[in-house]
Amino acid sequence: MVKRRADKPTKSTLKEVVTREYTIHVHKRIHGISFKKSAPRAIKCIKQFAEKAMGTPDVRIDVRLNKFIWSKGIRNVPFRVRVRLARKRNEDEDSVHKLFTHVTYVPCIDFKGKQTINVE
């Protein structure tokens, strides 16, 4: 097992406010889920993805993204979705978490060649 050097401080990336764009392959995450649970499970999978990518347990889904996921009904969820994940400071003083992730929908016609990008 590799030991971490004590003299080098570790940098926490959770403290910085950042915005990134991702393409989420929803179809592979809801494969095998029963029809009447596909759209709710897709929303949960997007929340899980955002929590893992940004490292914040507080994830908030935008209304436009929710409408896009549900646009073809509960059964026929779009295969892929392009999202913008923004890690922001929590304005609520009595909140447990200092940061939260806001997930918004990015309209995209073609997903070919799209990669994760940092948005300034």
C-alpha atoms as a PDB file:
ATOM      1  CA  MET A   1       0.000   0.000   0.000  1.00  0.00           C
ATOM      2  CA  VAL A   2       1.264   3.460  -0.856  1.00  0.00           C
ATOM      3  CA  LYS A   3       1.583   5.870   2.040  1.00  0.00           C
ATOM      4  CA  ARG A   4       0.729   9.535   1.653  1.00  0.00           C
ATOM      5  CA  ARG A   5       3.472  11.994   2.486  1.00  0.00           C
ATOM      6  CA  ALA A   6       2.723  13.997   5.602  1.00  0.00           C
ATOM      7  CA  ASP A   7       4.505  17.168   4.472  1.00  0.00           C
ATOM      8  CA  LYS A   8       2.351  17.684   1.371  1.00  0.00           C
ATOM      9  CA  PRO A   9      -1.085  19.192   2.108  1.00  0.00           C
ATOM     10  CA  THR A  10      -4.024  17.786   0.179  1.00  0.00           C
ATOM     11  CA  LYS A  11      -6.105  20.193  -1.873  1.00  0.00           C
ATOM     12  CA  SER A  12      -9.860  19.864  -1.571  1.00  0.00           C
ATOM     13  CA  THR A  13     -11.648  20.510  -4.847  1.00  0.00           C
ATOM     14  CA  LEU A  14     -15.016  20.663  -3.141  1.00  0.00           C
ATOM     15  CA  LYS A  15     -14.471  24.233  -1.949  1.00  0.00           C
ATOM     16  CA  GLU A  16     -14.334  25.817  -5.357  1.00  0.00           C
ATOM     17  CA  VAL A  17     -17.382  26.913  -7.329  1.00  0.00           C
ATOM     18  CA  VAL A  18     -17.276  25.370 -10.798  1.00  0.00           C
ATOM     19  CA  THR A  19     -19.566  24.668 -13.764  1.00  0.00           C
ATOM     20  CA  ARG A  20     -19.183  21.758 -16.191  1.00  0.00           C
ATOM     21  CA  GLU A  21     -21.169  20.277 -19.086  1.00  0.00           C
ATOM     22  CA  TYR A  22     -21.648  16.521 -19.312  1.00  0.00           C
ATOM     23  CA  THR A  23     -23.470  14.099 -21.575  1.00  0.00           C
ATOM     24  CA  ILE A  24     -25.314  11.498 -19.516  1.00  0.00           C
ATOM     25  CA  HIS A  25     -26.166   8.192 -21.171  1.00  0.00           C
ATOM     26  CA  VAL A  26     -29.527   7.643 -19.476  1.00  0.00           C
ATOM     27  CA  HIS A  27     -30.454   4.553 -21.510  1.00  0.00           C
ATOM     28  CA  LYS A  28     -27.742   2.367 -20.001  1.00  0.00           C
ATOM     29  CA  ARG A  29     -28.652   3.497 -16.475  1.00  0.00           C
ATOM     30  CA  ILE A  30     -32.331   2.559 -16.758  1.00  0.00           C
ATOM     31  CA  HIS A  31     -31.833  -0.674 -18.723  1.00  0.00           C
ATOM     32  CA  GLY A  32     -34.006  -3.411 -17.276  1.00  0.00           C
ATOM     33  CA  ILE A  33     -36.245  -1.061 -15.282  1.00  0.00           C
ATOM     34  CA  SER A  34     -39.974  -1.624 -15.628  1.00  0.00           C
ATOM     35  CA  PHE A  35     -41.783   0.761 -17.967  1.00  0.00           C
ATOM     36  CA  LYS A  36     -43.783   2.670 -15.388  1.00  0.00           C
ATOM     37  CA  LYS A  37     -40.660   3.474 -13.384  1.00  0.00           C
ATOM     38  CA  SER A  38     -38.368   4.595 -16.208  1.00  0.00           C
ATOM     39  CA  ALA A  39     -38.741   8.394 -15.989  1.00  0.00           C
ATOM     40  CA  PRO A  40     -38.604   8.551 -12.152  1.00  0.00           C
ATOM     41  CA  ARG A  41     -35.540   6.277 -12.185  1.00  0.00           C
ATOM     42  CA  ALA A  42     -33.891   8.467 -14.848  1.00  0.00           C
ATOM     43  CA  ILE A  43     -34.263  11.503 -12.567  1.00  0.00           C
ATOM     44  CA  LYS A  44     -32.728   9.538  -9.681  1.00  0.00           C
ATOM     45  CA  CYS A  45     -29.844   8.403 -11.897  1.00  0.00           C
ATOM     46  CA  ILE A  46     -29.146  11.985 -12.991  1.00  0.00           C
ATOM     47  CA  LYS A  47     -29.065  13.021  -9.325  1.00  0.00           C
ATOM     48  CA  GLN A  48     -26.659  10.174  -8.525  1.00  0.00           C
ATOM     49  CA  PHE A  49     -24.415  11.161 -11.431  1.00  0.00           C
ATOM     50  CA  ALA A  50     -24.358  14.804 -10.314  1.00  0.00           C
ATOM     51  CA  GLU A  51     -23.613  13.835  -6.721  1.00  0.00           C
ATOM     52  CA  LYS A  52     -20.691  11.657  -7.804  1.00  0.00           C
ATOM     53  CA  ALA A  53     -19.297  14.139 -10.352  1.00  0.00           C
ATOM     54  CA  MET A  54     -19.505  17.226  -8.123  1.00  0.00           C
ATOM     55  CA  GLY A  55     -19.105  15.682  -4.686  1.00  0.00           C
ATOM     56  CA  THR A  56     -22.091  17.436  -3.091  1.00  0.00           C
ATOM     57  CA  PRO A  57     -24.953  15.485  -1.506  1.00  0.00           C
ATOM     58  CA  ASP A  58     -27.419  18.341  -2.166  1.00  0.00           C
ATOM     59  CA  VAL A  59     -28.476  18.119  -5.851  1.00  0.00           C
ATOM     60  CA  ARG A  60     -31.257  20.240  -7.380  1.00  0.00           C
ATOM     61  CA  ILE A  61     -32.843  19.432 -10.743  1.00  0.00           C
ATOM     62  CA  ASP A  62     -34.007  22.289 -12.982  1.00  0.00           C
ATOM     63  CA  VAL A  63     -37.616  22.365 -14.213  1.00  0.00           C
ATOM     64  CA  ARG A  64     -36.573  22.329 -17.902  1.00  0.00           C
ATOM     65  CA  LEU A  65     -34.500  19.182 -17.389  1.00  0.00           C
ATOM     66  CA  ASN A  66     -37.401  17.478 -15.628  1.00  0.00           C
ATOM     67  CA  LYS A  67     -39.740  18.431 -18.488  1.00  0.00           C
ATOM     68  CA  PHE A  68     -37.249  17.098 -21.054  1.00  0.00           C
ATOM     69  CA  ILE A  69     -36.942  13.735 -19.288  1.00  0.00           C
ATOM     70  CA  TRP A  70     -40.729  13.436 -19.060  1.00  0.00           C
ATOM     71  CA  SER A  71     -41.351  14.852 -22.603  1.00  0.00           C
ATOM     72  CA  LYS A  72     -41.871  11.442 -24.217  1.00  0.00           C
ATOM     73  CA  GLY A  73     -43.869  10.028 -21.312  1.00  0.00           C
ATOM     74  CA  ILE A  74     -43.067   7.811 -18.358  1.00  0.00           C
ATOM     75  CA  ARG A  75     -41.894   4.893 -20.521  1.00  0.00           C
ATOM     76  CA  ASN A  76     -39.921   6.399 -23.401  1.00  0.00           C
ATOM     77  CA  VAL A  77     -37.115   8.317 -21.740  1.00  0.00           C
ATOM     78  CA  PRO A  78     -34.589  10.010 -24.098  1.00  0.00           C
ATOM     79  CA  PHE A  79     -31.442   7.916 -24.534  1.00  0.00           C
ATOM     80  CA  ARG A  80     -28.980  10.720 -23.800  1.00  0.00           C
ATOM     81  CA  VAL A  81     -29.162  14.148 -22.218  1.00  0.00           C
ATOM     82  CA  ARG A  82     -26.673  17.013 -22.149  1.00  0.00           C
ATOM     83  CA  VAL A  83     -26.575  18.693 -18.730  1.00  0.00           C
ATOM     84  CA  ARG A  84     -24.733  21.567 -17.083  1.00  0.00           C
ATOM     85  CA  LEU A  85     -23.656  20.873 -13.504  1.00  0.00           C
ATOM     86  CA  ALA A  86     -22.981  23.997 -11.445  1.00  0.00           C
ATOM     87  CA  ARG A  87     -21.531  23.703  -7.963  1.00  0.00           C
ATOM     88  CA  LYS A  88     -22.779  26.751  -6.051  1.00  0.00           C
ATOM     89  CA  ARG A  89     -22.594  28.136  -2.548  1.00  0.00           C
ATOM     90  CA  ASN A  90     -25.656  27.534  -0.421  1.00  0.00           C
ATOM     91  CA  GLU A  91     -27.304  30.833   0.555  1.00  0.00           C
ATOM     92  CA  ASP A  92     -29.416  29.201   3.258  1.00  0.00           C
ATOM     93  CA  GLU A  93     -27.634  29.804   6.579  1.00  0.00           C
ATOM     94  CA  ASP A  94     -29.252  26.948   8.510  1.00  0.00           C
ATOM     95  CA  SER A  95     -28.362  24.373   5.832  1.00  0.00           C
ATOM     96  CA  VAL A  96     -26.062  21.508   6.740  1.00  0.00           C
ATOM     97  CA  HIS A  97     -24.167  21.591   3.430  1.00  0.00           C
ATOM     98  CA  LYS A  98     -22.123  24.590   2.312  1.00  0.00           C
ATOM     99  CA  LEU A  99     -22.373  23.750  -1.400  1.00  0.00           C
ATOM    100  CA  PHE A 100     -25.067  22.373  -3.683  1.00  0.00           C
ATOM    101  CA  THR A 101     -25.205  21.228  -7.301  1.00  0.00           C
ATOM    102  CA  HIS A 102     -27.689  22.767  -9.745  1.00  0.00           C
ATOM    103  CA  VAL A 103     -28.393  20.550 -12.767  1.00  0.00           C
ATOM    104  CA  THR A 104     -29.762  22.308 -15.870  1.00  0.00           C
ATOM    105  CA  TYR A 105     -30.685  21.084 -19.342  1.00  0.00           C
ATOM    106  CA  VAL A 106     -28.542  22.031 -22.342  1.00  0.00           C
ATOM    107  CA  PRO A 107     -30.357  21.659 -25.697  1.00  0.00           C
ATOM    108  CA  CYS A 108     -28.288  19.459 -27.990  1.00  0.00           C
ATOM    109  CA  ILE A 109     -29.180  18.030 -31.414  1.00  0.00           C
ATOM    110  CA  ASP A 110     -26.214  15.711 -31.922  1.00  0.00           C
ATOM    111  CA  PHE A 111     -24.177  14.024 -29.183  1.00  0.00           C
ATOM    112  CA  LYS A 112     -21.347  12.858 -31.436  1.00  0.00           C
ATOM    113  CA  GLY A 113     -17.921  14.064 -30.344  1.00  0.00           C
ATOM    114  CA  LYS A 114     -19.189  15.977 -27.304  1.00  0.00           C
ATOM    115  CA  GLN A 115     -16.913  15.823 -24.300  1.00  0.00           C
ATOM    116  CA  THR A 116     -16.962  17.167 -20.790  1.00  0.00           C
ATOM    117  CA  ILE A 117     -16.142  20.878 -20.820  1.00  0.00           C
ATOM    118  CA  ASN A 118     -15.570  23.453 -18.121  1.00  0.00           C
ATOM    119  CA  VAL A 119     -17.874  26.458 -18.473  1.00  0.00           C
ATOM    120  CA  GLU A 120     -16.582  29.829 -17.338  1.00  0.00           C
END
